Amino acid sequence: MAIHENASKTSITVPDELVDFMRDVFSRIDSGDDAAFIPSDDLLQCETGYGGLSPDGKHYSFVFFPERGTRVRWEFKLLADEIDEIGSGFRKEMIVHRYERTDDGA
């Protein structure tokens, strides 16, 4: 999953929904769930985001929709240890690529 070319890097405070999603993802990694180990863009999902293991097998790529009813999305890549840090609440901030889709689809 490639980061959108019009996305801008921004620092965010990790919202509770993302903490919950990362907790679930790390639980799947820790338990050996196939969904966490098959390269995919979207085998790992929640109500507000999706992602999966990158083809390189080293990191996970995600898309998260932080605001309901808007076209804003965050795109980011994390290592399994970083997923654990966010899911456990240890990491409170992170860098994402913020992208807002326009009416022309760009």
PDB file of N, CA and C in Angstrom:
ATOM      1  N   MET A   1       0.853  -1.163   0.000  1.00  0.00           N
ATOM      2  CA  MET A   1       0.000   0.000   0.000  1.00  0.00           C
ATOM      3  C   MET A   1       0.906   1.235   0.000  1.00  0.00           C
ATOM      4  N   ALA A   2       0.811   2.026  -1.026  1.00  0.00           N
ATOM      5  CA  ALA A   2       1.637   3.212  -1.160  1.00  0.00           C
ATOM      6  C   ALA A   2       0.961   4.411  -0.501  1.00  0.00           C
ATOM      7  N   ILE A   3       1.766   5.267   0.093  1.00  0.00           N
ATOM      8  CA  ILE A   3       1.264   6.508   0.674  1.00  0.00           C
ATOM      9  C   ILE A   3       0.828   7.423  -0.469  1.00  0.00           C
ATOM     10  N   HIS A   4      -0.339   8.041  -0.332  1.00  0.00           N
ATOM     11  CA  HIS A   4      -0.854   8.917  -1.385  1.00  0.00           C
ATOM     12  C   HIS A   4       0.113  10.076  -1.614  1.00  0.00           C
ATOM     13  N   GLU A   5       0.335  10.425  -2.877  1.00  0.00           N
ATOM     14  CA  GLU A   5       1.309  11.458  -3.233  1.00  0.00           C
ATOM     15  C   GLU A   5       0.950  12.841  -2.704  1.00  0.00           C
ATOM     16  N   ASN A   6      -0.320  13.125  -2.423  1.00  0.00           N
ATOM     17  CA  ASN A   6      -0.735  14.430  -1.916  1.00  0.00           C
ATOM     18  C   ASN A   6      -0.858  14.462  -0.393  1.00  0.00           C
ATOM     19  N   ALA A   7      -0.461  13.405   0.279  1.00  0.00           N
ATOM     20  CA  ALA A   7      -0.545  13.354   1.740  1.00  0.00           C
ATOM     21  C   ALA A   7       0.578  14.182   2.354  1.00  0.00           C
ATOM     22  N   SER A   8       0.286  14.777   3.502  1.00  0.00           N
ATOM     23  CA  SER A   8       1.303  15.554   4.215  1.00  0.00           C
ATOM     24  C   SER A   8       1.547  14.925   5.584  1.00  0.00           C
ATOM     25  N   LYS A   9       2.814  14.895   5.993  1.00  0.00           N
ATOM     26  CA  LYS A   9       3.172  14.333   7.296  1.00  0.00           C
ATOM     27  C   LYS A   9       2.681  15.257   8.392  1.00  0.00           C
ATOM     28  N   THR A  10       2.102  14.645   9.413  1.00  0.00           N
ATOM     29  CA  THR A  10       1.637  15.428  10.551  1.00  0.00           C
ATOM     30  C   THR A  10       1.721  14.580  11.822  1.00  0.00           C
ATOM     31  N   SER A  11       1.949  15.235  12.930  1.00  0.00           N
ATOM     32  CA  SER A  11       1.993  14.558  14.223  1.00  0.00           C
ATOM     33  C   SER A  11       0.591  14.585  14.822  1.00  0.00           C
ATOM     34  N   ILE A  12       0.154  13.449  15.344  1.00  0.00           N
ATOM     35  CA  ILE A  12      -1.189  13.364  15.922  1.00  0.00           C
ATOM     36  C   ILE A  12      -1.122  12.742  17.323  1.00  0.00           C
ATOM     37  N   THR A  13      -2.113  13.065  18.125  1.00  0.00           N
ATOM     38  CA  THR A  13      -2.335  12.356  19.381  1.00  0.00           C
ATOM     39  C   THR A  13      -3.190  11.147  19.021  1.00  0.00           C
ATOM     40  N   VAL A  14      -2.769   9.973  19.440  1.00  0.00           N
ATOM     41  CA  VAL A  14      -3.442   8.734  19.048  1.00  0.00           C
ATOM     42  C   VAL A  14      -4.830   8.673  19.693  1.00  0.00           C
ATOM     43  N   PRO A  15      -5.900   8.636  18.865  1.00  0.00           N
ATOM     44  CA  PRO A  15      -7.247   8.553  19.427  1.00  0.00           C
ATOM     45  C   PRO A  15      -7.553   7.147  19.963  1.00  0.00           C
ATOM     46  N   ASP A  16      -8.531   7.079  20.852  1.00  0.00           N
ATOM     47  CA  ASP A  16      -8.886   5.809  21.490  1.00  0.00           C
ATOM     48  C   ASP A  16      -9.244   4.719  20.477  1.00  0.00           C
ATOM     49  N   GLU A  17      -9.959   5.075  19.412  1.00  0.00           N
ATOM     50  CA  GLU A  17     -10.340   4.068  18.412  1.00  0.00           C
ATOM     51  C   GLU A  17      -9.114   3.447  17.748  1.00  0.00           C
ATOM     52  N   LEU A  18      -8.080   4.246  17.538  1.00  0.00           N
ATOM     53  CA  LEU A  18      -6.852   3.721  16.943  1.00  0.00           C
ATOM     54  C   LEU A  18      -6.086   2.861  17.947  1.00  0.00           C
ATOM     55  N   VAL A  19      -6.096   3.260  19.215  1.00  0.00           N
ATOM     56  CA  VAL A  19      -5.479   2.430  20.260  1.00  0.00           C
ATOM     57  C   VAL A  19      -6.154   1.057  20.273  1.00  0.00           C
ATOM     58  N   ASP A  20      -7.474   1.043  20.250  1.00  0.00           N
ATOM     59  CA  ASP A  20      -8.217  -0.225  20.266  1.00  0.00           C
ATOM     60  C   ASP A  20      -7.889  -1.086  19.040  1.00  0.00           C
ATOM     61  N   PHE A  21      -7.813  -0.450  17.878  1.00  0.00           N
ATOM     62  CA  PHE A  21      -7.487  -1.175  16.651  1.00  0.00           C
ATOM     63  C   PHE A  21      -6.096  -1.775  16.738  1.00  0.00           C
ATOM     64  N   MET A  22      -5.118  -0.996  17.203  1.00  0.00           N
ATOM     65  CA  MET A  22      -3.747  -1.499  17.305  1.00  0.00           C
ATOM     66  C   MET A  22      -3.636  -2.589  18.368  1.00  0.00           C
ATOM     67  N   ARG A  23      -4.422  -2.496  19.423  1.00  0.00           N
ATOM     68  CA  ARG A  23      -4.444  -3.557  20.441  1.00  0.00           C
ATOM     69  C   ARG A  23      -4.936  -4.867  19.820  1.00  0.00           C
ATOM     70  N   ASP A  24      -5.990  -4.763  18.995  1.00  0.00           N
ATOM     71  CA  ASP A  24      -6.519  -5.946  18.318  1.00  0.00           C
ATOM     72  C   ASP A  24      -5.500  -6.501  17.320  1.00  0.00           C
ATOM     73  N   VAL A  25      -4.867  -5.618  16.567  1.00  0.00           N
ATOM     74  CA  VAL A  25      -3.863  -6.065  15.583  1.00  0.00           C
ATOM     75  C   VAL A  25      -2.718  -6.772  16.295  1.00  0.00           C
ATOM     76  N   PHE A  26      -2.223  -6.173  17.380  1.00  0.00           N
ATOM     77  CA  PHE A  26      -1.097  -6.825  18.065  1.00  0.00           C
ATOM     78  C   PHE A  26      -1.514  -8.156  18.674  1.00  0.00           C
ATOM     79  N   SER A  27      -2.735  -8.245  19.159  1.00  0.00           N
ATOM     80  CA  SER A  27      -3.230  -9.516  19.682  1.00  0.00           C
ATOM     81  C   SER A  27      -3.200 -10.591  18.592  1.00  0.00           C
ATOM     82  N   ARG A  28      -3.552 -10.210  17.375  1.00  0.00           N
ATOM     83  CA  ARG A  28      -3.518 -11.147  16.252  1.00  0.00           C
ATOM     84  C   ARG A  28      -2.080 -11.544  15.910  1.00  0.00           C
ATOM     85  N   ILE A  29      -1.174 -10.579  15.957  1.00  0.00           N
ATOM     86  CA  ILE A  29       0.242 -10.872  15.707  1.00  0.00           C
ATOM     87  C   ILE A  29       0.752 -11.836  16.773  1.00  0.00           C
ATOM     88  N   ASP A  30       0.483 -11.497  18.020  1.00  0.00           N
ATOM     89  CA  ASP A  30       0.978 -12.272  19.157  1.00  0.00           C
ATOM     90  C   ASP A  30       0.434 -13.695  19.177  1.00  0.00           C
ATOM     91  N   SER A  31      -0.813 -13.870  18.720  1.00  0.00           N
ATOM     92  CA  SER A  31      -1.424 -15.203  18.744  1.00  0.00           C
ATOM     93  C   SER A  31      -1.129 -16.022  17.484  1.00  0.00           C
ATOM     94  N   GLY A  32      -0.471 -15.400  16.499  1.00  0.00           N
ATOM     95  CA  GLY A  32      -0.135 -16.129  15.277  1.00  0.00           C
ATOM     96  C   GLY A  32      -1.276 -16.211  14.277  1.00  0.00           C
ATOM     97  N   ASP A  33      -2.264 -15.341  14.399  1.00  0.00           N
ATOM     98  CA  ASP A  33      -3.404 -15.307  13.476  1.00  0.00           C
ATOM     99  C   ASP A  33      -2.909 -15.119  12.040  1.00  0.00           C
ATOM    100  N   ASP A  34      -3.397 -15.967  11.136  1.00  0.00           N
ATOM    101  CA  ASP A  34      -2.986 -15.884   9.730  1.00  0.00           C
ATOM    102  C   ASP A  34      -3.187 -14.497   9.137  1.00  0.00           C
ATOM    103  N   ALA A  35      -4.238 -13.790   9.530  1.00  0.00           N
ATOM    104  CA  ALA A  35      -4.522 -12.461   8.983  1.00  0.00           C
ATOM    105  C   ALA A  35      -3.382 -11.483   9.236  1.00  0.00           C
ATOM    106  N   ALA A  36      -2.589 -11.736  10.265  1.00  0.00           N
ATOM    107  CA  ALA A  36      -1.467 -10.850  10.588  1.00  0.00           C
ATOM    108  C   ALA A  36      -0.183 -11.227   9.859  1.00  0.00           C
ATOM    109  N   PHE A  37      -0.173 -12.359   9.182  1.00  0.00           N
ATOM    110  CA  PHE A  37       1.073 -12.832   8.570  1.00  0.00           C
ATOM    111  C   PHE A  37       0.992 -13.071   7.070  1.00  0.00           C
ATOM    112  N   ILE A  38      -0.177 -12.869   6.498  1.00  0.00           N
ATOM    113  CA  ILE A  38      -0.332 -12.973   5.049  1.00  0.00           C
ATOM    114  C   ILE A  38      -0.248 -11.554   4.481  1.00  0.00           C
ATOM    115  N   PRO A  39       0.691 -11.280   3.579  1.00  0.00           N
ATOM    116  CA  PRO A  39       0.761  -9.927   3.010  1.00  0.00           C
ATOM    117  C   PRO A  39      -0.574  -9.521   2.388  1.00  0.00           C
ATOM    118  N   SER A  40      -1.040  -8.334   2.780  1.00  0.00           N
ATOM    119  CA  SER A  40      -2.358  -7.868   2.337  1.00  0.00           C
ATOM    120  C   SER A  40      -2.504  -6.385   2.638  1.00  0.00           C
ATOM    121  N   ASP A  41      -3.398  -5.738   1.907  1.00  0.00           N
ATOM    122  CA  ASP A  41      -3.733  -4.342   2.188  1.00  0.00           C
ATOM    123  C   ASP A  41      -4.828  -4.201   3.228  1.00  0.00           C
ATOM    124  N   ASP A  42      -5.628  -5.275   3.437  1.00  0.00           N
ATOM    125  CA  ASP A  42      -6.830  -5.066   4.239  1.00  0.00           C
ATOM    126  C   ASP A  42      -7.331  -6.272   5.037  1.00  0.00           C
ATOM    127  N   LEU A  43      -6.474  -7.199   5.353  1.00  0.00           N
ATOM    128  CA  LEU A  43      -6.923  -8.345   6.152  1.00  0.00           C
ATOM    129  C   LEU A  43      -7.167  -7.972   7.616  1.00  0.00           C
ATOM    130  N   LEU A  44      -6.576  -6.880   8.058  1.00  0.00           N
ATOM    131  CA  LEU A  44      -6.772  -6.407   9.428  1.00  0.00           C
ATOM    132  C   LEU A  44      -7.715  -5.210   9.356  1.00  0.00           C
ATOM    133  N   GLN A  45      -8.871  -5.321   9.988  1.00  0.00           N
ATOM    134  CA  GLN A  45      -9.886  -4.277   9.837  1.00  0.00           C
ATOM    135  C   GLN A  45     -10.574  -3.947  11.148  1.00  0.00           C
ATOM    136  N   CYS A  46     -11.052  -2.709  11.196  1.00  0.00           N
ATOM    137  CA  CYS A  46     -11.959  -2.271  12.250  1.00  0.00           C
ATOM    138  C   CYS A  46     -12.972  -1.347  11.589  1.00  0.00           C
ATOM    139  N   GLU A  47     -13.871  -0.802  12.358  1.00  0.00           N
ATOM    140  CA  GLU A  47     -14.915   0.042  11.803  1.00  0.00           C
ATOM    141  C   GLU A  47     -14.361   1.308  11.138  1.00  0.00           C
ATOM    142  N   THR A  48     -13.209   1.777  11.600  1.00  0.00           N
ATOM    143  CA  THR A  48     -12.662   3.047  11.108  1.00  0.00           C
ATOM    144  C   THR A  48     -11.318   2.914  10.403  1.00  0.00           C
ATOM    145  N   GLY A  49     -10.919   1.701  10.049  1.00  0.00           N
ATOM    146  CA  GLY A  49      -9.642   1.562   9.363  1.00  0.00           C
ATOM    147  C   GLY A  49      -9.372   0.145   8.896  1.00  0.00           C
ATOM    148  N   TYR A  50      -8.287   0.025   8.181  1.00  0.00           N
ATOM    149  CA  TYR A  50      -7.871  -1.281   7.674  1.00  0.00           C
ATOM    150  C   TYR A  50      -6.376  -1.257   7.382  1.00  0.00           C
ATOM    151  N   GLY A  51      -5.812  -2.437   7.205  1.00  0.00           N
ATOM    152  CA  GLY A  51      -4.394  -2.538   6.875  1.00  0.00           C
ATOM    153  C   GLY A  51      -3.970  -3.987   6.792  1.00  0.00           C
ATOM    154  N   GLY A  52      -2.666  -4.168   6.727  1.00  0.00           N
ATOM    155  CA  GLY A  52      -2.146  -5.515   6.649  1.00  0.00           C
ATOM    156  C   GLY A  52      -0.644  -5.522   6.535  1.00  0.00           C
ATOM    157  N   LEU A  53      -0.104  -6.711   6.497  1.00  0.00           N
ATOM    158  CA  LEU A  53       1.334  -6.909   6.394  1.00  0.00           C
ATOM    159  C   LEU A  53       1.807  -6.506   5.003  1.00  0.00           C
ATOM    160  N   SER A  54       2.854  -5.708   4.953  1.00  0.00           N
ATOM    161  CA  SER A  54       3.415  -5.279   3.674  1.00  0.00           C
ATOM    162  C   SER A  54       4.123  -6.444   2.997  1.00  0.00           C
ATOM    163  N   PRO A  55       4.273  -6.382   1.681  1.00  0.00           N
ATOM    164  CA  PRO A  55       4.932  -7.481   0.960  1.00  0.00           C
ATOM    165  C   PRO A  55       6.341  -7.782   1.455  1.00  0.00           C
ATOM    166  N   ASP A  56       7.026  -6.784   2.028  1.00  0.00           N
ATOM    167  CA  ASP A  56       8.376  -7.024   2.536  1.00  0.00           C
ATOM    168  C   ASP A  56       8.374  -7.862   3.809  1.00  0.00           C
ATOM    169  N   GLY A  57       7.196  -8.032   4.437  1.00  0.00           N
ATOM    170  CA  GLY A  57       7.075  -8.843   5.642  1.00  0.00           C
ATOM    171  C   GLY A  57       7.656  -8.218   6.886  1.00  0.00           C
ATOM    172  N   LYS A  58       8.069  -6.955   6.811  1.00  0.00           N
ATOM    173  CA  LYS A  58       8.714  -6.307   7.953  1.00  0.00           C
ATOM    174  C   LYS A  58       7.821  -5.309   8.669  1.00  0.00           C
ATOM    175  N   HIS A  59       6.920  -4.693   7.948  1.00  0.00           N
ATOM    176  CA  HIS A  59       6.061  -3.693   8.572  1.00  0.00           C
ATOM    177  C   HIS A  59       4.617  -3.852   8.095  1.00  0.00           C
ATOM    178  N   TYR A  60       3.747  -3.148   8.792  1.00  0.00           N
ATOM    179  CA  TYR A  60       2.323  -3.173   8.496  1.00  0.00           C
ATOM    180  C   TYR A  60       1.907  -1.781   8.003  1.00  0.00           C
ATOM    181  N   SER A  61       1.095  -1.737   6.971  1.00  0.00           N
ATOM    182  CA  SER A  61       0.588  -0.476   6.434  1.00  0.00           C
ATOM    183  C   SER A  61      -0.892  -0.355   6.783  1.00  0.00           C
ATOM    184  N   PHE A  62      -1.301   0.865   7.143  1.00  0.00           N
ATOM    185  CA  PHE A  62      -2.673   1.095   7.567  1.00  0.00           C
ATOM    186  C   PHE A  62      -3.256   2.353   6.944  1.00  0.00           C
ATOM    187  N   VAL A  63      -4.572   2.348   6.820  1.00  0.00           N
ATOM    188  CA  VAL A  63      -5.371   3.529   6.507  1.00  0.00           C
ATOM    189  C   VAL A  63      -6.383   3.640   7.634  1.00  0.00           C
ATOM    190  N   PHE A  64      -6.487   4.847   8.205  1.00  0.00           N
ATOM    191  CA  PHE A  64      -7.407   5.076   9.319  1.00  0.00           C
ATOM    192  C   PHE A  64      -8.210   6.336   9.030  1.00  0.00           C
ATOM    193  N   PHE A  65      -9.501   6.287   9.311  1.00  0.00           N
ATOM    194  CA  PHE A  65     -10.400   7.416   9.076  1.00  0.00           C
ATOM    195  C   PHE A  65     -10.760   8.042  10.424  1.00  0.00           C
ATOM    196  N   PRO A  66     -10.076   9.141  10.798  1.00  0.00           N
ATOM    197  CA  PRO A  66     -10.236   9.687  12.147  1.00  0.00           C
ATOM    198  C   PRO A  66     -11.507  10.484  12.378  1.00  0.00           C
ATOM    199  N   GLU A  67     -12.155  10.940  11.311  1.00  0.00           N
ATOM    200  CA  GLU A  67     -13.319  11.799  11.471  1.00  0.00           C
ATOM    201  C   GLU A  67     -14.473  11.253  10.634  1.00  0.00           C
ATOM    202  N   ARG A  68     -15.505  10.826  11.274  1.00  0.00           N
ATOM    203  CA  ARG A  68     -16.671  10.307  10.547  1.00  0.00           C
ATOM    204  C   ARG A  68     -17.316  11.434   9.747  1.00  0.00           C
ATOM    205  N   GLY A  69     -17.780  11.107   8.550  1.00  0.00           N
ATOM    206  CA  GLY A  69     -18.467  12.076   7.728  1.00  0.00           C
ATOM    207  C   GLY A  69     -17.557  13.049   6.994  1.00  0.00           C
ATOM    208  N   THR A  70     -16.243  12.787   6.997  1.00  0.00           N
ATOM    209  CA  THR A  70     -15.314  13.633   6.252  1.00  0.00           C
ATOM    210  C   THR A  70     -14.521  12.766   5.292  1.00  0.00           C
ATOM    211  N   ARG A  71     -13.698  13.381   4.500  1.00  0.00           N
ATOM    212  CA  ARG A  71     -12.859  12.656   3.535  1.00  0.00           C
ATOM    213  C   ARG A  71     -11.407  12.577   3.994  1.00  0.00           C
ATOM    214  N   VAL A  72     -11.182  12.800   5.274  1.00  0.00           N
ATOM    215  CA  VAL A  72      -9.830  12.759   5.828  1.00  0.00           C
ATOM    216  C   VAL A  72      -9.431  11.324   6.111  1.00  0.00           C
ATOM    217  N   ARG A  73      -8.189  11.002   5.768  1.00  0.00           N
ATOM    218  CA  ARG A  73      -7.650   9.682   6.092  1.00  0.00           C
ATOM    219  C   ARG A  73      -6.199   9.845   6.523  1.00  0.00           C
ATOM    220  N   TRP A  74      -5.790   8.952   7.409  1.00  0.00           N
ATOM    221  CA  TRP A  74      -4.397   8.887   7.821  1.00  0.00           C
ATOM    222  C   TRP A  74      -3.813   7.613   7.246  1.00  0.00           C
ATOM    223  N   GLU A  75      -2.622   7.702   6.701  1.00  0.00           N
ATOM    224  CA  GLU A  75      -1.905   6.542   6.190  1.00  0.00           C
ATOM    225  C   GLU A  75      -0.598   6.443   6.970  1.00  0.00           C
ATOM    226  N   PHE A  76      -0.226   5.222   7.370  1.00  0.00           N
ATOM    227  CA  PHE A  76       1.002   5.060   8.142  1.00  0.00           C
ATOM    228  C   PHE A  76       1.492   3.621   8.083  1.00  0.00           C
ATOM    229  N   LYS A  77       2.780   3.465   8.361  1.00  0.00           N
ATOM    230  CA  LYS A  77       3.423   2.153   8.409  1.00  0.00           C
ATOM    231  C   LYS A  77       4.046   1.984   9.787  1.00  0.00           C
ATOM    232  N   LEU A  78       3.922   0.767  10.322  1.00  0.00           N
ATOM    233  CA  LEU A  78       4.443   0.477  11.661  1.00  0.00           C
ATOM    234  C   LEU A  78       5.091  -0.903  11.702  1.00  0.00           C
ATOM    235  N   LEU A  79       6.088  -1.041  12.552  1.00  0.00           N
ATOM    236  CA  LEU A  79       6.639  -2.349  12.887  1.00  0.00           C
ATOM    237  C   LEU A  79       5.756  -2.968  13.974  1.00  0.00           C
ATOM    238  N   ALA A  80       5.855  -4.265  14.168  1.00  0.00           N
ATOM    239  CA  ALA A  80       5.041  -4.948  15.178  1.00  0.00           C
ATOM    240  C   ALA A  80       5.256  -4.347  16.571  1.00  0.00           C
ATOM    241  N   ASP A  81       6.502  -3.994  16.914  1.00  0.00           N
ATOM    242  CA  ASP A  81       6.771  -3.394  18.223  1.00  0.00           C
ATOM    243  C   ASP A  81       6.063  -2.050  18.384  1.00  0.00           C
ATOM    244  N   GLU A  82       5.984  -1.280  17.306  1.00  0.00           N
ATOM    245  CA  GLU A  82       5.297   0.011  17.354  1.00  0.00           C
ATOM    246  C   GLU A  82       3.793  -0.177  17.506  1.00  0.00           C
ATOM    247  N   ILE A  83       3.256  -1.209  16.864  1.00  0.00           N
ATOM    248  CA  ILE A  83       1.828  -1.537  17.023  1.00  0.00           C
ATOM    249  C   ILE A  83       1.543  -1.864  18.483  1.00  0.00           C
ATOM    250  N   ASP A  84       2.415  -2.634  19.108  1.00  0.00           N
ATOM    251  CA  ASP A  84       2.270  -2.981  20.521  1.00  0.00           C
ATOM    252  C   ASP A  84       2.337  -1.733  21.400  1.00  0.00           C
ATOM    253  N   GLU A  85       3.270  -0.823  21.113  1.00  0.00           N
ATOM    254  CA  GLU A  85       3.405   0.405  21.904  1.00  0.00           C
ATOM    255  C   GLU A  85       2.131   1.244  21.849  1.00  0.00           C
ATOM    256  N   ILE A  86       1.525   1.332  20.670  1.00  0.00           N
ATOM    257  CA  ILE A  86       0.293   2.112  20.524  1.00  0.00           C
ATOM    258  C   ILE A  86      -0.877   1.375  21.177  1.00  0.00           C
ATOM    259  N   GLY A  87      -1.009   0.088  20.908  1.00  0.00           N
ATOM    260  CA  GLY A  87      -2.112  -0.697  21.457  1.00  0.00           C
ATOM    261  C   GLY A  87      -2.087  -0.818  22.962  1.00  0.00           C
ATOM    262  N   SER A  88      -0.898  -0.766  23.552  1.00  0.00           N
ATOM    263  CA  SER A  88      -0.790  -0.846  25.009  1.00  0.00           C
ATOM    264  C   SER A  88      -0.956   0.521  25.672  1.00  0.00           C
ATOM    265  N   GLY A  89      -1.027   1.580  24.859  1.00  0.00           N
ATOM    266  CA  GLY A  89      -1.175   2.926  25.399  1.00  0.00           C
ATOM    267  C   GLY A  89       0.130   3.587  25.764  1.00  0.00           C
ATOM    268  N   PHE A  90       1.249   2.904  25.539  1.00  0.00           N
ATOM    269  CA  PHE A  90       2.562   3.466  25.872  1.00  0.00           C
ATOM    270  C   PHE A  90       2.888   4.657  24.982  1.00  0.00           C
ATOM    271  N   ARG A  91       2.625   4.525  23.695  1.00  0.00           N
ATOM    272  CA  ARG A  91       2.891   5.611  22.746  1.00  0.00           C
ATOM    273  C   ARG A  91       1.613   6.425  22.573  1.00  0.00           C
ATOM    274  N   LYS A  92       1.696   7.701  22.862  1.00  0.00           N
ATOM    275  CA  LYS A  92       0.534   8.591  22.822  1.00  0.00           C
ATOM    276  C   LYS A  92       0.483   9.442  21.553  1.00  0.00           C
ATOM    277  N   GLU A  93       1.601   9.588  20.861  1.00  0.00           N
ATOM    278  CA  GLU A  93       1.670  10.400  19.647  1.00  0.00           C
ATOM    279  C   GLU A  93       2.375   9.624  18.557  1.00  0.00           C
ATOM    280  N   MET A  94       2.088   9.981  17.319  1.00  0.00           N
ATOM    281  CA  MET A  94       2.746   9.336  16.190  1.00  0.00           C
ATOM    282  C   MET A  94       2.670  10.249  14.973  1.00  0.00           C
ATOM    283  N   ILE A  95       3.462   9.930  13.970  1.00  0.00           N
ATOM    284  CA  ILE A  95       3.460  10.658  12.709  1.00  0.00           C
ATOM    285  C   ILE A  95       2.626   9.867  11.705  1.00  0.00           C
ATOM    286  N   VAL A  96       1.709  10.560  11.035  1.00  0.00           N
ATOM    287  CA  VAL A  96       0.900   9.943   9.978  1.00  0.00           C
ATOM    288  C   VAL A  96       1.008  10.802   8.728  1.00  0.00           C
ATOM    289  N   HIS A  97       0.603  10.224   7.624  1.00  0.00           N
ATOM    290  CA  HIS A  97       0.466  10.976   6.386  1.00  0.00           C
ATOM    291  C   HIS A  97      -1.018  11.295   6.277  1.00  0.00           C
ATOM    292  N   ARG A  98      -1.355  12.569   6.405  1.00  0.00           N
ATOM    293  CA  ARG A  98      -2.761  12.999   6.381  1.00  0.00           C
ATOM    294  C   ARG A  98      -3.140  13.351   4.945  1.00  0.00           C
ATOM    295  N   TYR A  99      -4.279  12.855   4.534  1.00  0.00           N
ATOM    296  CA  TYR A  99      -4.750  13.091   3.172  1.00  0.00           C
ATOM    297  C   TYR A  99      -6.235  13.376   3.227  1.00  0.00           C
ATOM    298  N   GLU A 100      -6.654  14.392   2.486  1.00  0.00           N
ATOM    299  CA  GLU A 100      -8.090  14.685   2.376  1.00  0.00           C
ATOM    300  C   GLU A 100      -8.482  14.648   0.913  1.00  0.00           C
ATOM    301  N   ARG A 101      -9.367  13.726   0.594  1.00  0.00           N
ATOM    302  CA  ARG A 101      -9.812  13.551  -0.791  1.00  0.00           C
ATOM    303  C   ARG A 101     -10.657  14.745  -1.210  1.00  0.00           C
ATOM    304  N   THR A 102     -10.472  15.192  -2.430  1.00  0.00           N
ATOM    305  CA  THR A 102     -11.255  16.295  -2.972  1.00  0.00           C
ATOM    306  C   THR A 102     -12.396  15.750  -3.812  1.00  0.00           C
ATOM    307  N   ASP A 103     -13.277  16.622  -4.240  1.00  0.00           N
ATOM    308  CA  ASP A 103     -14.428  16.206  -5.047  1.00  0.00           C
ATOM    309  C   ASP A 103     -14.026  15.567  -6.373  1.00  0.00           C
ATOM    310  N   ASP A 104     -12.852  15.933  -6.892  1.00  0.00           N
ATOM    311  CA  ASP A 104     -12.427  15.352  -8.166  1.00  0.00           C
ATOM    312  C   ASP A 104     -11.727  14.006  -7.979  1.00  0.00           C
ATOM    313  N   GLY A 105     -11.694  13.501  -6.732  1.00  0.00           N
ATOM    314  CA  GLY A 105     -11.114  12.198  -6.459  1.00  0.00           C
ATOM    315  C   GLY A 105      -9.624  12.199  -6.243  1.00  0.00           C
ATOM    316  N   ALA A 106      -8.964  13.351  -6.356  1.00  0.00           N
ATOM    317  CA  ALA A 106      -7.503  13.423  -6.161  1.00  0.00           C
ATOM    318  C   ALA A 106      -7.141  13.356  -4.699  1.00  0.00           C
TER     319      ALA A 106
END
